[in-house]
N, C-alpha and C. Protein backbone atom coordinates (compact mmCIF):
# COMPACT_ATOMS: atom_id res chain seq x y z
N UNK A 1 35.96 64.80 127.21
CA UNK A 1 37.31 65.23 126.83
C UNK A 1 37.21 66.32 125.67
N UNK A 2 37.99 67.29 125.88
CA UNK A 2 38.00 68.46 124.90
C UNK A 2 38.94 68.26 123.82
N UNK A 3 38.60 68.48 122.65
CA UNK A 3 39.52 68.42 121.55
C UNK A 3 40.21 69.69 121.30
N UNK A 4 41.51 69.72 121.13
CA UNK A 4 42.29 70.97 120.79
C UNK A 4 42.68 70.92 119.28
N UNK A 5 42.52 71.95 118.57
CA UNK A 5 42.92 71.87 117.20
C UNK A 5 44.23 72.59 116.96
N UNK A 6 45.39 71.82 117.05
CA UNK A 6 46.66 72.33 116.88
C UNK A 6 47.23 71.72 115.56
N UNK A 7 47.38 72.69 114.56
CA UNK A 7 47.90 72.04 113.38
C UNK A 7 49.30 71.64 113.40
N UNK A 8 49.54 70.47 112.91
CA UNK A 8 50.79 69.83 112.86
C UNK A 8 51.16 69.60 111.43
N UNK A 9 51.97 70.44 110.92
CA UNK A 9 52.32 70.30 109.48
C UNK A 9 53.35 69.26 109.23
N UNK A 10 54.25 69.10 110.22
CA UNK A 10 55.28 68.16 109.96
C UNK A 10 55.34 67.30 111.29
N UNK A 11 54.90 66.04 111.08
CA UNK A 11 54.88 65.10 112.18
C UNK A 11 56.20 64.90 112.80
N UNK A 12 57.22 64.78 111.98
CA UNK A 12 58.62 64.53 112.53
C UNK A 12 59.01 65.63 113.46
N UNK A 13 58.72 66.88 113.13
CA UNK A 13 59.05 68.03 114.05
C UNK A 13 58.31 67.86 115.41
N UNK A 14 57.04 67.56 115.26
CA UNK A 14 56.17 67.46 116.49
C UNK A 14 56.76 66.30 117.30
N UNK A 15 57.10 65.21 116.71
CA UNK A 15 57.60 64.06 117.50
C UNK A 15 58.96 64.44 118.17
N UNK A 16 59.79 65.19 117.44
CA UNK A 16 61.03 65.62 118.03
C UNK A 16 60.70 66.48 119.32
N UNK A 17 59.79 67.34 119.21
CA UNK A 17 59.37 68.20 120.29
C UNK A 17 58.98 67.39 121.48
N UNK A 18 58.05 66.50 121.23
CA UNK A 18 57.62 65.61 122.40
C UNK A 18 58.78 64.86 122.90
N UNK A 19 59.67 64.38 122.07
CA UNK A 19 60.84 63.62 122.58
C UNK A 19 61.74 64.47 123.47
N UNK A 20 61.89 65.79 123.03
CA UNK A 20 62.75 66.67 123.78
C UNK A 20 62.06 66.95 125.14
N UNK A 21 60.79 67.06 125.16
CA UNK A 21 60.05 67.32 126.44
C UNK A 21 60.25 66.14 127.30
N UNK A 22 60.17 64.97 126.85
CA UNK A 22 60.25 63.84 127.55
C UNK A 22 61.74 63.73 128.30
N UNK A 23 62.80 64.21 127.60
CA UNK A 23 64.14 64.17 128.07
C UNK A 23 64.24 64.99 129.41
N UNK A 24 63.36 65.94 129.62
CA UNK A 24 63.35 66.78 130.82
C UNK A 24 62.27 66.19 131.71
N UNK A 25 61.82 64.93 131.55
CA UNK A 25 60.98 64.33 132.50
C UNK A 25 59.64 65.09 132.62
N UNK A 26 59.22 65.78 131.61
CA UNK A 26 57.96 66.48 131.61
C UNK A 26 57.96 67.59 132.70
N UNK A 27 59.18 68.03 133.15
CA UNK A 27 59.27 68.93 134.26
C UNK A 27 59.17 70.35 133.56
N UNK A 28 58.02 71.06 133.85
CA UNK A 28 57.77 72.40 133.31
C UNK A 28 58.85 73.37 133.48
N UNK A 29 59.35 73.36 134.72
CA UNK A 29 60.46 74.36 135.12
C UNK A 29 61.72 74.09 134.19
N UNK A 30 62.12 72.89 133.97
CA UNK A 30 63.18 72.49 133.12
C UNK A 30 63.00 72.90 131.68
N UNK A 31 61.70 72.61 131.23
CA UNK A 31 61.40 72.92 129.82
C UNK A 31 61.45 74.50 129.63
N UNK A 32 60.92 75.26 130.68
CA UNK A 32 60.89 76.76 130.59
C UNK A 32 62.30 77.27 130.56
N UNK A 33 63.21 76.68 131.39
CA UNK A 33 64.64 77.05 131.48
C UNK A 33 65.23 76.85 129.98
N UNK A 34 64.92 75.67 129.50
CA UNK A 34 65.45 75.36 128.05
C UNK A 34 64.96 76.42 127.09
N UNK A 35 63.71 76.81 127.15
CA UNK A 35 63.29 77.73 126.16
C UNK A 35 63.81 79.09 126.42
N UNK A 36 64.10 79.43 127.70
CA UNK A 36 64.73 80.64 128.05
C UNK A 36 66.11 80.74 127.45
N UNK A 37 66.83 79.56 127.63
CA UNK A 37 68.21 79.48 126.94
C UNK A 37 68.11 79.61 125.45
N UNK A 38 67.10 79.03 124.83
CA UNK A 38 66.90 79.17 123.40
C UNK A 38 66.79 80.63 122.95
N UNK A 39 65.91 81.40 123.78
CA UNK A 39 65.78 82.85 123.49
C UNK A 39 67.18 83.54 123.55
N UNK A 40 67.90 83.23 124.53
CA UNK A 40 69.29 83.80 124.69
C UNK A 40 70.13 83.43 123.52
N UNK A 41 70.10 82.19 123.18
CA UNK A 41 70.93 81.70 122.06
C UNK A 41 70.47 82.41 120.70
N UNK A 42 69.27 82.54 120.57
CA UNK A 42 68.69 83.25 119.34
C UNK A 42 69.19 84.70 119.27
N UNK A 43 69.21 85.35 120.38
CA UNK A 43 69.77 86.64 120.49
C UNK A 43 71.31 86.70 120.21
N UNK A 44 71.99 85.75 120.70
CA UNK A 44 73.40 85.65 120.38
C UNK A 44 73.62 85.35 118.96
N UNK A 45 72.76 84.43 118.27
CA UNK A 45 72.94 84.13 116.90
C UNK A 45 72.73 85.47 116.15
N UNK A 46 71.75 86.17 116.44
CA UNK A 46 71.37 87.50 115.76
C UNK A 46 72.57 88.41 115.82
N UNK A 47 73.06 88.56 117.05
CA UNK A 47 74.18 89.45 117.20
C UNK A 47 75.40 88.99 116.50
N UNK A 48 75.65 87.68 116.43
CA UNK A 48 76.80 87.12 115.74
C UNK A 48 76.66 87.38 114.20
N UNK A 49 75.46 87.20 113.73
CA UNK A 49 75.20 87.41 112.25
C UNK A 49 75.52 88.92 111.97
N UNK A 50 74.94 89.80 112.80
CA UNK A 50 75.22 91.26 112.60
C UNK A 50 76.69 91.61 112.60
N UNK A 51 77.40 90.96 113.61
CA UNK A 51 78.92 91.08 113.71
C UNK A 51 79.58 90.60 112.50
N UNK A 52 79.13 89.51 111.94
CA UNK A 52 79.77 88.84 110.73
C UNK A 52 79.47 89.89 109.54
N UNK A 53 78.22 90.38 109.45
CA UNK A 53 78.01 91.27 108.34
C UNK A 53 78.95 92.55 108.45
N UNK A 54 79.07 92.99 109.66
CA UNK A 54 79.95 94.22 109.89
C UNK A 54 81.34 93.96 109.43
N UNK A 55 81.92 92.80 109.82
CA UNK A 55 83.19 92.43 109.49
C UNK A 55 83.37 92.11 108.04
N UNK A 56 82.38 91.62 107.44
CA UNK A 56 82.38 91.45 105.95
C UNK A 56 82.49 92.79 105.16
N UNK A 57 81.68 93.80 105.65
CA UNK A 57 81.84 95.08 105.11
C UNK A 57 83.16 95.73 105.31
N UNK A 58 83.66 95.57 106.54
CA UNK A 58 84.93 96.06 106.87
C UNK A 58 86.05 95.49 106.04
N UNK A 59 85.96 94.15 105.85
CA UNK A 59 86.83 93.42 105.01
C UNK A 59 86.79 93.94 103.53
N UNK A 60 85.58 94.13 102.97
CA UNK A 60 85.52 94.71 101.57
C UNK A 60 86.15 96.05 101.59
N UNK A 61 85.92 96.88 102.54
CA UNK A 61 86.54 98.21 102.59
C UNK A 61 88.07 98.13 102.61
N UNK A 62 88.54 97.19 103.44
CA UNK A 62 89.95 97.08 103.59
C UNK A 62 90.55 96.60 102.22
N UNK A 63 89.84 95.64 101.59
CA UNK A 63 90.33 95.11 100.26
C UNK A 63 90.40 96.22 99.23
N UNK A 64 89.38 97.12 99.26
CA UNK A 64 89.36 98.21 98.33
C UNK A 64 90.54 99.18 98.59
N UNK A 65 90.80 99.44 99.86
CA UNK A 65 91.85 100.32 100.28
C UNK A 65 93.17 99.67 99.82
N UNK A 66 93.27 98.33 99.99
CA UNK A 66 94.53 97.55 99.59
C UNK A 66 94.69 97.74 98.09
N UNK A 67 93.68 97.64 97.35
CA UNK A 67 93.84 97.76 95.88
C UNK A 67 94.33 99.18 95.53
N UNK A 68 93.79 100.14 96.10
CA UNK A 68 94.21 101.59 95.83
C UNK A 68 95.69 101.68 96.21
N UNK A 69 96.03 101.19 97.42
CA UNK A 69 97.46 101.41 97.80
C UNK A 69 98.41 100.54 96.92
N UNK A 70 97.93 99.32 96.52
CA UNK A 70 98.75 98.60 95.59
C UNK A 70 99.00 99.36 94.22
N UNK A 71 97.99 100.02 93.75
CA UNK A 71 98.09 100.79 92.54
C UNK A 71 99.05 101.98 92.76
N UNK A 72 99.01 102.63 93.97
CA UNK A 72 99.90 103.72 94.33
C UNK A 72 101.27 103.12 94.43
N UNK A 73 101.46 102.02 95.00
CA UNK A 73 102.91 101.46 95.16
C UNK A 73 103.45 101.07 93.75
N UNK A 74 102.60 100.57 92.88
CA UNK A 74 103.02 100.25 91.49
C UNK A 74 103.43 101.45 90.69
N UNK A 75 102.67 102.46 90.89
CA UNK A 75 102.98 103.78 90.19
C UNK A 75 104.29 104.34 90.69
N UNK A 76 104.53 104.20 92.04
CA UNK A 76 105.77 104.78 92.65
C UNK A 76 106.94 103.88 92.13
N UNK A 77 106.71 102.50 92.01
CA UNK A 77 107.77 101.69 91.59
C UNK A 77 108.18 101.98 90.16
N UNK A 78 107.21 102.15 89.26
CA UNK A 78 107.53 102.60 87.98
C UNK A 78 108.32 103.87 87.91
N UNK A 79 107.98 104.89 88.76
CA UNK A 79 108.72 106.11 88.75
C UNK A 79 110.19 105.85 89.28
N UNK A 80 110.27 105.03 90.35
CA UNK A 80 111.63 104.80 90.79
C UNK A 80 112.51 104.01 89.72
N UNK A 81 111.82 103.06 89.01
CA UNK A 81 112.54 102.40 87.95
C UNK A 81 113.06 103.41 86.85
N UNK A 82 112.14 104.33 86.55
CA UNK A 82 112.56 105.38 85.49
C UNK A 82 113.67 106.25 86.06
N UNK A 83 113.60 106.66 87.36
CA UNK A 83 114.70 107.46 87.95
C UNK A 83 116.02 106.68 87.95
N UNK A 84 115.94 105.34 88.35
CA UNK A 84 117.14 104.62 88.31
C UNK A 84 117.83 104.42 86.98
N UNK A 85 116.93 104.31 85.99
CA UNK A 85 117.36 104.22 84.61
C UNK A 85 118.00 105.53 84.13
N UNK A 86 117.45 106.71 84.50
CA UNK A 86 118.04 107.93 84.27
C UNK A 86 119.35 108.08 84.95
N UNK A 87 119.49 107.67 86.20
CA UNK A 87 120.61 107.73 86.97
C UNK A 87 121.82 106.91 86.31
N UNK A 88 121.44 105.74 85.84
CA UNK A 88 122.42 104.91 85.26
C UNK A 88 122.94 105.60 83.93
N UNK A 89 122.03 106.34 83.25
CA UNK A 89 122.56 107.11 82.05
C UNK A 89 123.38 108.33 82.46
N UNK A 90 123.42 108.75 83.69
CA UNK A 90 124.17 109.88 84.09
C UNK A 90 123.34 111.07 84.37
N UNK A 91 122.02 110.84 84.41
CA UNK A 91 121.08 111.97 84.67
C UNK A 91 120.50 111.67 86.09
N UNK A 92 121.33 112.07 87.21
CA UNK A 92 120.92 111.89 88.53
C UNK A 92 120.19 113.18 88.98
N UNK A 93 119.99 113.31 90.27
CA UNK A 93 119.21 114.52 90.69
C UNK A 93 120.01 115.87 90.42
N UNK A 94 121.32 115.85 90.55
CA UNK A 94 122.17 116.93 90.39
C UNK A 94 121.96 117.45 88.85
N UNK A 95 122.17 116.48 88.01
CA UNK A 95 122.12 116.74 86.54
C UNK A 95 120.77 117.22 86.12
N UNK A 96 119.73 116.66 86.62
CA UNK A 96 118.33 116.98 86.27
C UNK A 96 118.01 118.37 86.92
N UNK A 97 118.46 118.64 88.06
CA UNK A 97 118.27 119.87 88.64
C UNK A 97 119.00 120.98 87.85
N UNK A 98 120.16 120.75 87.40
CA UNK A 98 120.94 121.73 86.62
C UNK A 98 120.24 121.90 85.30
N UNK A 99 119.72 120.90 84.63
CA UNK A 99 119.03 121.02 83.34
C UNK A 99 117.75 121.83 83.61
N UNK A 100 117.02 121.59 84.67
CA UNK A 100 115.79 122.34 84.94
C UNK A 100 116.13 123.72 85.24
N UNK A 101 117.08 124.00 86.05
CA UNK A 101 117.47 125.46 86.31
C UNK A 101 117.82 126.15 84.98
N UNK A 102 118.60 125.55 84.06
CA UNK A 102 118.95 126.08 82.84
C UNK A 102 117.71 126.44 81.98
N UNK A 103 116.84 125.51 81.82
CA UNK A 103 115.60 125.68 81.06
C UNK A 103 114.71 126.81 81.78
N UNK A 104 114.65 126.83 82.99
CA UNK A 104 113.92 127.76 83.82
C UNK A 104 114.52 129.21 83.62
N UNK A 105 115.79 129.26 83.61
CA UNK A 105 116.46 130.51 83.30
C UNK A 105 116.21 131.05 81.90
N UNK A 106 116.19 130.12 80.92
CA UNK A 106 115.81 130.50 79.50
C UNK A 106 114.34 130.98 79.51
N UNK A 107 113.52 130.32 80.24
CA UNK A 107 112.13 130.76 80.27
C UNK A 107 112.00 132.24 80.82
N UNK A 108 112.71 132.50 81.97
CA UNK A 108 112.68 133.86 82.50
C UNK A 108 113.21 134.89 81.55
N UNK A 109 114.34 134.65 80.95
CA UNK A 109 115.01 135.59 80.00
C UNK A 109 114.08 135.83 78.74
N UNK A 110 113.20 134.82 78.43
CA UNK A 110 112.41 135.01 77.23
C UNK A 110 111.00 135.28 77.56
N UNK A 111 110.64 135.44 78.79
CA UNK A 111 109.27 135.80 79.27
C UNK A 111 108.31 134.73 78.78
N UNK A 112 108.59 133.49 79.04
CA UNK A 112 107.72 132.46 78.58
C UNK A 112 107.51 131.44 79.83
N UNK A 113 106.39 130.77 79.82
CA UNK A 113 106.15 129.83 80.95
C UNK A 113 107.10 128.67 80.96
N UNK A 114 107.50 128.20 82.08
CA UNK A 114 108.56 127.14 82.14
C UNK A 114 108.21 125.89 81.26
N UNK A 115 106.85 125.54 81.24
CA UNK A 115 106.58 124.32 80.48
C UNK A 115 106.76 124.64 78.99
N UNK A 116 106.43 125.77 78.56
CA UNK A 116 106.70 126.14 77.12
C UNK A 116 108.17 126.18 76.85
N UNK A 117 108.97 126.60 77.78
CA UNK A 117 110.44 126.54 77.59
C UNK A 117 111.04 125.23 77.47
N UNK A 118 110.45 124.31 78.27
CA UNK A 118 110.86 122.88 78.21
C UNK A 118 110.56 122.33 76.82
N UNK A 119 109.38 122.57 76.32
CA UNK A 119 109.02 122.08 74.95
C UNK A 119 109.94 122.73 73.91
N UNK A 120 110.24 124.04 73.97
CA UNK A 120 110.97 124.66 73.02
C UNK A 120 112.41 124.28 73.10
N UNK A 121 112.97 124.02 74.35
CA UNK A 121 114.30 123.52 74.50
C UNK A 121 114.52 122.19 73.87
N UNK A 122 113.61 121.26 74.13
CA UNK A 122 113.67 119.91 73.56
C UNK A 122 113.55 119.97 72.06
N UNK A 123 112.69 120.86 71.57
CA UNK A 123 112.46 121.05 70.09
C UNK A 123 113.71 121.55 69.46
N UNK A 124 114.27 122.58 70.16
CA UNK A 124 115.60 123.09 69.55
C UNK A 124 116.71 122.12 69.60
N UNK A 125 116.80 121.32 70.54
CA UNK A 125 117.85 120.21 70.56
C UNK A 125 117.65 119.29 69.45
N UNK A 126 116.36 118.90 69.28
CA UNK A 126 116.14 117.94 68.29
C UNK A 126 116.36 118.42 66.90
N UNK A 127 115.97 119.76 66.62
CA UNK A 127 116.22 120.31 65.26
C UNK A 127 117.71 120.63 64.97
N UNK A 128 118.44 121.02 66.05
CA UNK A 128 119.79 121.44 65.84
C UNK A 128 120.79 120.34 66.09
N UNK A 129 120.35 119.13 66.44
CA UNK A 129 121.16 117.99 66.81
C UNK A 129 122.27 117.68 65.68
N UNK A 130 121.67 117.50 64.47
CA UNK A 130 122.49 117.11 63.33
C UNK A 130 123.59 118.22 63.09
N UNK A 131 123.12 119.45 63.04
CA UNK A 131 124.06 120.61 62.79
C UNK A 131 125.12 120.67 63.76
N UNK A 132 124.72 120.51 65.12
CA UNK A 132 125.66 120.61 66.18
C UNK A 132 126.71 119.49 66.09
N UNK A 133 126.20 118.22 65.82
CA UNK A 133 127.10 117.09 65.66
C UNK A 133 128.01 117.36 64.62
N UNK A 134 127.67 117.81 63.36
CA UNK A 134 128.51 118.05 62.23
C UNK A 134 129.47 119.22 62.55
N UNK A 135 129.02 120.26 63.26
CA UNK A 135 129.83 121.41 63.56
C UNK A 135 130.90 121.06 64.55
N UNK A 136 130.70 120.22 65.57
CA UNK A 136 131.73 119.73 66.52
C UNK A 136 132.70 118.96 65.82
N UNK A 137 132.28 118.14 64.82
CA UNK A 137 133.23 117.29 64.12
C UNK A 137 134.26 118.15 63.28
N UNK A 138 133.64 119.31 62.61
CA UNK A 138 134.45 120.15 61.88
C UNK A 138 135.50 120.89 62.76
N UNK A 139 134.94 121.32 63.90
CA UNK A 139 135.92 122.07 64.82
C UNK A 139 137.10 121.10 65.22
N UNK A 140 136.77 119.93 65.56
CA UNK A 140 137.72 118.88 65.92
C UNK A 140 138.78 118.75 64.83
N UNK A 141 138.29 118.65 63.60
CA UNK A 141 139.17 118.40 62.47
C UNK A 141 140.02 119.63 62.20
N UNK A 142 139.47 120.87 62.39
CA UNK A 142 140.19 122.03 62.15
C UNK A 142 141.29 122.28 63.25
N UNK A 143 140.98 121.84 64.44
CA UNK A 143 141.92 121.97 65.54
C UNK A 143 143.04 120.97 65.31
N UNK A 144 142.70 119.83 64.92
CA UNK A 144 143.72 118.72 64.56
C UNK A 144 144.73 119.30 63.49
N UNK A 145 144.07 119.99 62.55
CA UNK A 145 144.85 120.47 61.35
C UNK A 145 145.78 121.57 61.79
N UNK A 146 145.28 122.45 62.71
CA UNK A 146 146.06 123.56 63.22
C UNK A 146 147.05 123.16 64.27
N UNK A 147 146.96 121.90 64.70
CA UNK A 147 147.92 121.38 65.62
C UNK A 147 147.61 121.67 67.08
N UNK A 148 146.44 122.11 67.30
CA UNK A 148 145.92 122.34 68.67
C UNK A 148 145.42 121.10 69.30
N UNK A 149 145.76 120.87 70.52
CA UNK A 149 145.30 119.69 71.25
C UNK A 149 144.01 120.10 71.94
N UNK A 150 143.07 119.25 72.07
CA UNK A 150 141.79 119.50 72.74
C UNK A 150 141.72 118.89 74.08
């Protein structure tokens, strides 16, 4: 009798293997078929793992896109809220367009860039507000004294 040296590190695994072979009645054809099926299953598992990795990457990419789009929507919602607030105050598109055209006309007449004209316009309004307010009050008083109806 010839002795074969097959290392068996885990007796329970070896016993399970022998048990599985016994289930097939020690039929070599059946055992080979089972191992062929195992190779196919290993290939399917490998393919499934690769597919899962692909979809995980795709999911991360979509989540990143979603975050960008949510930030985009939030920014636009803030802008819409500001626009609605301006509209409630009476500064709708028509009024804002009129104001822009007026400031743009001032810029053209004074040979200055439109952005500079906006800054100057707002600065002038701020500096002259108290004077204008007091002046209109005086005009109103003088008209009342003169008996003119406004």
